[in-house]
Amino acid sequence: MDLLLEVCDTYLLDYVYGKVFPVNMLPSSVTNSVGQFLDLNTGNLNGTAAKPAGDVYGYEPFLLEFTDYTFQSIFPRYNLFRETLTMFVLMTIFGWALYFSVATMSYLFVFDKAVFNHPRYLKNQMSLEMKQAFSAIPVMVLLTIPWFLFELNGYSKLYLDIDYKSWAGIRQLAFEVISFIMFTDCLIYLVHRWLHWPRVYRALHKPHHKWLVTTPYASHAFHPVDGYMQSVPYHLYPMIFPLQKISYLILFTFVNFWTVMIHDGEYLANDPVINGAACHTVHHLYFNYNYGQFTTLWDRLGGSYREPDQELFNKSLKKSKQTWEIQVEKMEAIKQEVEGDCDDRVYVTTKAS
């Protein structure tokens, strides 16, 4: 995240903080002591190159040179208040943008809109999903801020330099990606099963299971604490294991793409290993199965794997009324066990007909 932050600081945020919190807001006694390092009129170092500024201010740029605005604010780049505020705003905007753009692309080009006729599709469901996600994302970001601060201030094993041209470097990157997927898949499985404990389910996870049949917009429609808990493994990995920073940004984005994909209702293949949309559809329909995120491995080991119904892979059968009636019958029996008689859902239709 420090690479992303540096780009934003250099091209926008140094200027914004300099204008909103200018260094001349400080009392004269403070500005005089700071003046030995800075020309407060320009923000430049007195007769020195940019590098010593890093020694003075505890910050060295990774990719970009300091600008005339870098030292114009009373809150330098490494200030915890500034880092917290910046990461909250940036990651909230990024989260909203990624969610709405990817989910909308999926809705337009992938999602099977026959789901709208499913007897367990909710009235105004997509707008409800969007509202839930829109309100949850800022809270999830706020809860995640401590992890971002640890990463920004060097308390992780994230690194930048690697030899992309050597086989050793390529093997290292491949190993990190595979181990990241397997590590997070295992921990998310455990967290997800915990979220289905009855008391935890009622308190945190039930809002996401409001969507018995999903659209791409259900992907981030969580209770914010639920969404945060399932994101913790992604931040825990680089605290324990080395991970290249560019790879981390790519994986972070991929995870959000994947979350949308497994909610889009398009069942491309009945793969016994990949926990795709079909497996996750089973989870939303039948609650107590297929908790994994990327693979079926941990569900198989944990005895919670349920193979998707074969009708899901037949374009005509998956949307037939008979298939939906069977799904509803199975679903209602399990839903009764999980939620009892407390069902505040309002369906588009009240029966499978």
Protein backbone atom coordinates (compact mmCIF):
# COMPACT_ATOMS: atom_id res chain seq x y z
CA MET A 1 0.00 0.00 0.00
CA ASP A 2 2.98 2.33 0.45
CA LEU A 3 3.52 2.36 -3.32
CA LEU A 4 -0.08 3.39 -3.92
CA LEU A 5 0.14 5.99 -1.19
CA GLU A 6 3.36 7.46 -2.59
CA VAL A 7 1.82 7.97 -6.03
CA CYS A 8 -1.25 9.64 -4.50
CA ASP A 9 0.89 11.80 -2.21
CA THR A 10 3.15 12.92 -5.03
CA TYR A 11 0.48 13.82 -7.55
CA LEU A 12 -2.33 15.05 -5.30
CA LEU A 13 -2.25 14.65 -1.54
CA ASP A 14 0.93 16.62 -0.77
CA TYR A 15 -0.76 19.61 -2.41
CA VAL A 16 -4.10 19.01 -0.62
CA TYR A 17 -2.54 18.61 2.83
CA GLY A 18 -0.32 21.62 2.18
CA LYS A 19 -3.36 23.77 1.42
CA VAL A 20 -5.64 22.44 4.16
CA PHE A 21 -2.99 22.04 6.87
CA PRO A 22 -0.18 24.40 5.81
CA VAL A 23 3.05 24.39 7.74
CA ASN A 24 2.61 28.09 8.64
CA MET A 25 -0.29 27.04 10.88
CA LEU A 26 2.39 26.11 13.43
CA PRO A 27 3.40 28.60 16.13
CA SER A 28 6.42 30.74 15.22
CA SER A 29 8.61 28.96 17.78
CA VAL A 30 8.00 25.68 16.01
CA THR A 31 8.39 27.07 12.50
CA ASN A 32 11.72 28.65 13.48
CA SER A 33 13.11 25.32 14.62
CA VAL A 34 11.82 23.59 11.52
CA GLY A 35 13.19 26.37 9.36
CA GLN A 36 16.74 25.10 9.69
CA PHE A 37 15.69 22.24 7.47
CA LEU A 38 12.99 23.83 5.34
CA ASP A 39 12.43 27.00 3.45
CA LEU A 40 8.85 27.50 4.63
CA ASN A 41 7.98 29.71 1.70
CA THR A 42 8.75 27.04 -0.89
CA GLY A 43 8.76 23.80 1.08
CA ASN A 44 12.15 22.95 -0.41
CA LEU A 45 15.27 22.00 1.49
CA ASN A 46 17.76 24.82 1.96
CA GLY A 47 20.37 24.23 -0.68
CA THR A 48 20.27 20.43 -0.41
CA ALA A 49 19.07 17.56 -2.54
CA ALA A 50 15.92 15.60 -1.77
CA LYS A 51 17.67 12.62 -0.21
CA PRO A 52 18.69 14.29 3.09
CA ALA A 53 15.05 15.21 3.58
CA GLY A 54 14.30 11.57 4.05
CA ASP A 55 16.97 11.39 6.75
CA VAL A 56 15.42 14.40 8.51
CA TYR A 57 11.79 13.41 8.16
CA GLY A 58 12.07 9.65 8.46
CA TYR A 59 10.66 9.03 4.98
CA GLU A 60 12.38 7.92 1.79
CA PRO A 61 10.51 7.76 -1.52
CA PHE A 62 10.36 4.40 -3.29
CA LEU A 63 9.58 5.42 -6.84
CA LEU A 64 9.07 9.17 -7.19
CA GLU A 65 11.06 12.25 -6.27
CA PHE A 66 9.89 14.73 -3.66
CA THR A 67 8.09 17.78 -5.04
CA ASP A 68 7.76 21.40 -3.98
CA TYR A 69 4.63 20.44 -2.02
CA THR A 70 6.07 17.47 -0.10
CA PHE A 71 6.98 19.49 3.00
CA GLN A 72 4.26 22.15 2.88
CA SER A 73 2.00 20.57 5.51
CA ILE A 74 2.20 20.28 9.26
CA PHE A 75 1.37 16.60 8.72
CA PRO A 76 4.28 14.93 6.93
CA ARG A 77 3.69 11.77 4.92
CA TYR A 78 4.69 9.46 7.76
CA ASN A 79 2.35 11.11 10.30
CA LEU A 80 -0.10 8.53 11.71
CA PHE A 81 -3.07 10.89 11.55
CA ARG A 82 -2.36 11.63 7.90
CA GLU A 83 -1.77 7.96 7.05
CA THR A 84 -5.00 6.96 8.79
CA LEU A 85 -7.11 9.65 7.14
CA THR A 86 -5.57 9.09 3.72
CA MET A 87 -5.93 5.31 3.79
CA PHE A 88 -9.52 5.55 4.99
CA VAL A 89 -10.52 7.90 2.18
CA LEU A 90 -8.50 6.21 -0.56
CA MET A 91 -9.45 2.63 0.30
CA THR A 92 -13.12 3.53 0.74
CA ILE A 93 -13.21 5.16 -2.69
CA PHE A 94 -11.18 2.29 -4.17
CA GLY A 95 -13.50 -0.25 -2.53
CA TRP A 96 -16.63 1.43 -3.84
CA ALA A 97 -15.14 1.87 -7.32
CA LEU A 98 -13.93 -1.72 -7.55
CA TYR A 99 -17.17 -3.14 -6.20
CA PHE A 100 -19.52 -1.17 -8.45
CA SER A 101 -17.37 -1.44 -11.58
CA VAL A 102 -16.65 -5.16 -11.39
CA ALA A 103 -20.15 -6.10 -10.22
CA THR A 104 -21.70 -3.97 -12.98
CA MET A 105 -19.47 -5.52 -15.65
CA SER A 106 -20.45 -8.95 -14.37
CA TYR A 107 -24.12 -7.97 -14.33
CA LEU A 108 -23.99 -6.67 -17.91
CA PHE A 109 -21.92 -9.40 -19.53
CA VAL A 110 -21.96 -12.53 -17.35
CA PHE A 111 -24.88 -12.66 -14.91
CA ASP A 112 -27.85 -14.83 -15.91
CA LYS A 113 -30.82 -12.54 -15.36
CA ALA A 114 -33.21 -15.51 -15.28
CA VAL A 115 -32.45 -15.44 -11.54
CA PHE A 116 -34.93 -12.56 -11.29
CA ASN A 117 -37.70 -15.13 -11.75
CA HIS A 118 -36.45 -17.48 -9.02
CA PRO A 119 -39.07 -17.92 -6.27
CA ARG A 120 -36.48 -16.97 -3.64
CA TYR A 121 -35.29 -13.81 -5.32
CA LEU A 122 -36.13 -10.86 -3.08
CA LYS A 123 -38.18 -7.80 -3.85
CA ASN A 124 -35.77 -4.97 -4.81
CA GLN A 125 -32.89 -7.33 -4.10
CA MET A 126 -30.18 -5.66 -6.16
CA SER A 127 -30.83 -2.24 -4.66
CA LEU A 128 -30.76 -3.82 -1.19
CA GLU A 129 -27.46 -5.52 -1.99
CA MET A 130 -25.95 -2.26 -3.22
CA LYS A 131 -27.16 -0.37 -0.16
CA GLN A 132 -25.71 -2.99 2.19
CA ALA A 133 -22.35 -3.02 0.42
CA PHE A 134 -22.14 0.76 0.10
CA SER A 135 -22.66 1.24 3.83
CA ALA A 136 -20.46 -1.70 4.84
CA ILE A 137 -17.34 -0.87 2.82
CA PRO A 138 -16.31 2.28 4.79
CA VAL A 139 -16.69 0.42 8.10
CA MET A 140 -14.70 -2.54 6.78
CA VAL A 141 -11.97 -0.13 5.68
CA LEU A 142 -11.96 1.58 9.08
CA LEU A 143 -11.54 -1.78 10.83
CA THR A 144 -8.71 -2.64 8.44
CA ILE A 145 -6.77 0.60 9.02
CA PRO A 146 -4.48 -0.92 11.72
CA TRP A 147 -3.29 -3.56 9.23
CA PHE A 148 -2.57 -0.84 6.64
CA LEU A 149 -0.63 1.17 9.23
CA PHE A 150 1.47 -1.87 10.16
CA GLU A 151 2.26 -2.40 6.48
CA LEU A 152 3.03 1.27 5.82
CA ASN A 153 5.38 1.53 8.79
CA GLY A 154 7.44 -1.55 8.05
CA TYR A 155 5.86 -4.07 10.41
CA SER A 156 5.36 -6.69 7.73
CA LYS A 157 7.42 -8.87 5.43
CA LEU A 158 6.39 -7.03 2.29
CA TYR A 159 9.34 -6.21 0.04
CA LEU A 160 9.87 -4.48 -3.30
CA ASP A 161 13.08 -5.58 -5.02
CA ILE A 162 13.13 -8.86 -6.92
CA ASP A 163 14.84 -10.11 -10.06
CA TYR A 164 11.97 -10.61 -12.50
CA LYS A 165 14.34 -11.84 -15.22
CA SER A 166 15.78 -14.81 -13.32
CA TRP A 167 14.17 -18.21 -12.85
CA ALA A 168 14.82 -17.90 -9.12
CA GLY A 169 12.81 -14.68 -9.00
CA ILE A 170 9.97 -16.16 -11.06
CA ARG A 171 9.86 -19.28 -8.87
CA GLN A 172 9.79 -17.12 -5.76
CA LEU A 173 6.86 -15.07 -7.07
CA ALA A 174 4.97 -18.20 -8.11
CA PHE A 175 5.53 -19.80 -4.71
CA GLU A 176 4.33 -16.67 -2.93
CA VAL A 177 1.15 -16.48 -5.01
CA ILE A 178 0.31 -20.17 -4.50
CA SER A 179 1.06 -20.09 -0.78
CA PHE A 180 -0.99 -16.89 -0.39
CA ILE A 181 -3.99 -18.57 -2.04
CA MET A 182 -3.68 -21.74 0.04
CA PHE A 183 -3.02 -19.93 3.33
CA THR A 184 -5.91 -17.51 2.95
CA ASP A 185 -8.22 -20.23 1.61
CA CYS A 186 -7.61 -22.30 4.75
CA LEU A 187 -8.11 -19.43 7.19
CA ILE A 188 -11.19 -18.09 5.41
CA TYR A 189 -12.68 -21.58 5.55
CA LEU A 190 -12.16 -21.64 9.33
CA VAL A 191 -13.49 -18.11 9.80
CA HIS A 192 -16.47 -18.84 7.57
CA ARG A 193 -17.36 -21.98 9.53
CA TRP A 194 -17.10 -19.98 12.74
CA LEU A 195 -19.48 -17.39 11.25
CA HIS A 196 -22.02 -20.19 10.89
CA TRP A 197 -22.04 -20.99 14.59
CA PRO A 198 -25.66 -20.19 15.55
CA ARG A 199 -25.01 -17.16 17.77
CA VAL A 200 -22.33 -15.74 15.50
CA TYR A 201 -24.50 -16.38 12.44
CA ARG A 202 -27.43 -14.47 13.90
CA ALA A 203 -25.23 -11.57 15.01
CA LEU A 204 -22.93 -11.19 11.98
CA HIS A 205 -23.39 -13.52 9.03
CA LYS A 206 -27.15 -13.61 8.52
CA PRO A 207 -27.23 -10.30 6.57
CA HIS A 208 -25.10 -11.90 3.83
CA HIS A 209 -27.38 -14.95 3.75
CA LYS A 210 -30.37 -12.75 3.21
CA TRP A 211 -29.53 -13.35 -0.44
CA LEU A 212 -30.62 -16.97 -1.04
CA VAL A 213 -29.99 -16.59 -4.74
CA THR A 214 -27.36 -14.01 -5.54
CA THR A 215 -26.47 -11.34 -8.03
CA PRO A 216 -22.95 -9.92 -8.49
CA TYR A 217 -23.92 -7.06 -6.16
CA ALA A 218 -24.28 -9.54 -3.28
CA SER A 219 -20.50 -10.05 -3.33
CA HIS A 220 -19.71 -7.33 -0.78
CA ALA A 221 -23.15 -7.06 0.83
CA PHE A 222 -21.99 -8.09 4.31
CA HIS A 223 -22.36 -6.99 7.86
CA PRO A 224 -19.11 -4.95 8.04
CA VAL A 225 -17.63 -7.02 10.88
CA ASP A 226 -18.39 -10.18 8.90
CA GLY A 227 -16.65 -8.77 5.82
CA TYR A 228 -13.70 -7.61 7.92
CA MET A 229 -13.26 -10.99 9.62
CA GLN A 230 -13.10 -12.74 6.26
CA SER A 231 -10.50 -10.23 5.05
CA VAL A 232 -8.11 -10.69 7.99
CA PRO A 233 -6.23 -13.66 6.41
CA TYR A 234 -5.23 -11.45 3.46
CA HIS A 235 -3.52 -9.01 5.82
CA LEU A 236 -2.15 -11.66 8.15
CA TYR A 237 -0.21 -13.45 5.41
CA PRO A 238 2.36 -10.66 4.74
CA MET A 239 2.86 -10.27 8.49
CA ILE A 240 4.14 -13.85 8.62
CA PHE A 241 5.54 -14.62 5.17
CA PRO A 242 7.52 -12.61 2.60
CA LEU A 243 5.39 -11.16 -0.20
CA GLN A 244 6.41 -8.87 -3.05
CA LYS A 245 4.55 -5.55 -2.91
CA ILE A 246 3.35 -5.49 -6.52
CA SER A 247 2.11 -9.06 -6.16
CA TYR A 248 0.25 -8.03 -3.02
CA LEU A 249 -1.58 -5.23 -4.85
CA ILE A 250 -2.47 -7.59 -7.71
CA LEU A 251 -3.66 -10.31 -5.32
CA PHE A 252 -5.65 -7.78 -3.29
CA THR A 253 -7.47 -6.74 -6.48
CA PHE A 254 -7.89 -10.33 -7.66
CA VAL A 255 -9.58 -11.28 -4.38
CA ASN A 256 -12.24 -8.65 -4.98
CA PHE A 257 -12.74 -9.84 -8.56
CA TRP A 258 -13.09 -13.41 -7.32
CA THR A 259 -15.63 -12.43 -4.68
CA VAL A 260 -17.83 -10.95 -7.39
CA MET A 261 -17.32 -13.93 -9.71
CA ILE A 262 -18.52 -16.53 -7.22
CA HIS A 263 -21.77 -14.61 -6.78
CA ASP A 264 -22.57 -14.09 -10.48
CA GLY A 265 -24.59 -17.28 -11.00
CA GLU A 266 -22.73 -18.30 -14.16
CA TYR A 267 -21.63 -21.92 -13.78
CA LEU A 268 -18.89 -22.42 -16.33
CA ALA A 269 -17.59 -25.81 -15.18
CA ASN A 270 -18.19 -28.41 -12.51
CA ASP A 271 -14.58 -28.40 -11.36
CA PRO A 272 -13.91 -30.72 -8.39
CA VAL A 273 -11.05 -28.51 -7.14
CA ILE A 274 -12.04 -24.88 -7.77
CA ASN A 275 -14.66 -23.38 -5.48
CA GLY A 276 -16.41 -21.43 -8.20
CA ALA A 277 -19.83 -19.87 -8.58
CA ALA A 278 -21.65 -23.22 -8.55
CA CYS A 279 -20.12 -24.26 -5.24
CA HIS A 280 -20.85 -20.90 -3.69
CA THR A 281 -24.41 -20.97 -5.00
CA VAL A 282 -24.81 -24.21 -3.05
CA HIS A 283 -23.58 -22.37 0.03
CA HIS A 284 -26.22 -19.66 -0.32
CA LEU A 285 -28.96 -22.13 -1.14
CA TYR A 286 -28.18 -24.75 1.50
CA PHE A 287 -26.23 -22.74 4.14
CA ASN A 288 -24.05 -25.39 5.78
CA TYR A 289 -21.83 -26.42 2.88
CA ASN A 290 -18.91 -25.14 0.78
CA TYR A 291 -17.35 -22.59 3.10
CA GLY A 292 -14.12 -22.33 1.09
CA GLN A 293 -13.10 -19.29 -0.91
CA PHE A 294 -10.88 -20.57 -3.71
CA THR A 295 -10.75 -24.37 -3.53
CA THR A 296 -12.85 -27.27 -2.30
CA LEU A 297 -9.87 -28.78 -0.41
CA TRP A 298 -10.75 -27.60 3.09
CA ASP A 299 -14.44 -28.42 2.68
CA ARG A 300 -13.51 -31.94 1.63
CA LEU A 301 -11.16 -32.32 4.59
CA GLY A 302 -13.72 -30.76 6.94
CA GLY A 303 -16.66 -32.85 5.68
CA SER A 304 -18.62 -29.80 4.51
CA TYR A 305 -18.31 -30.24 0.75
CA ARG A 306 -21.52 -30.59 -1.23
CA GLU A 307 -21.30 -31.19 -4.95
CA PRO A 308 -23.39 -28.73 -6.97
CA ASP A 309 -26.60 -30.09 -8.44
CA GLN A 310 -26.00 -31.23 -12.01
CA GLU A 311 -28.98 -29.17 -13.17
CA LEU A 312 -26.90 -26.02 -12.56
CA PHE A 313 -24.71 -26.89 -15.54
CA ASN A 314 -27.60 -27.40 -17.94
CA LYS A 315 -28.68 -24.05 -19.40
CA SER A 316 -32.32 -25.09 -19.72
CA LEU A 317 -32.70 -27.12 -16.53
CA LYS A 318 -30.98 -24.63 -14.21
CA LYS A 319 -33.78 -22.10 -14.76
CA SER A 320 -36.73 -24.48 -15.00
CA LYS A 321 -39.59 -24.18 -12.51
CA GLN A 322 -39.20 -27.82 -11.55
CA THR A 323 -35.53 -27.30 -10.65
CA TRP A 324 -36.40 -24.22 -8.63
CA GLU A 325 -39.19 -26.03 -6.78
CA ILE A 326 -36.76 -28.79 -5.76
CA GLN A 327 -34.22 -26.18 -4.65
CA VAL A 328 -36.79 -24.35 -2.56
CA GLU A 329 -37.95 -27.57 -0.90
CA LYS A 330 -34.40 -28.51 0.10
CA MET A 331 -33.57 -24.93 1.03
CA GLU A 332 -36.56 -24.41 3.29
CA ALA A 333 -35.77 -27.54 5.30
CA ILE A 334 -32.19 -26.39 5.96
CA LYS A 335 -33.21 -22.76 6.48
CA GLN A 336 -35.64 -23.88 9.16
CA GLU A 337 -32.78 -25.59 11.00
CA VAL A 338 -30.47 -22.60 10.66
CA GLU A 339 -32.82 -19.65 11.15
CA GLY A 340 -35.98 -21.14 12.63
CA ASP A 341 -39.18 -19.26 11.89
CA CYS A 342 -37.50 -15.85 11.85
CA ASP A 343 -37.55 -14.89 8.17
CA ASP A 344 -37.90 -11.20 7.34
CA ARG A 345 -37.24 -11.67 3.63
CA VAL A 346 -39.79 -10.32 1.18
CA TYR A 347 -39.80 -12.44 -1.97
CA VAL A 348 -40.86 -11.34 -5.42
CA THR A 349 -43.12 -14.38 -5.47
CA THR A 350 -44.41 -16.29 -2.48
CA LYS A 351 -44.28 -19.73 -3.98
CA ALA A 352 -42.43 -21.71 -6.61
CA SER A 353 -44.98 -21.74 -9.38
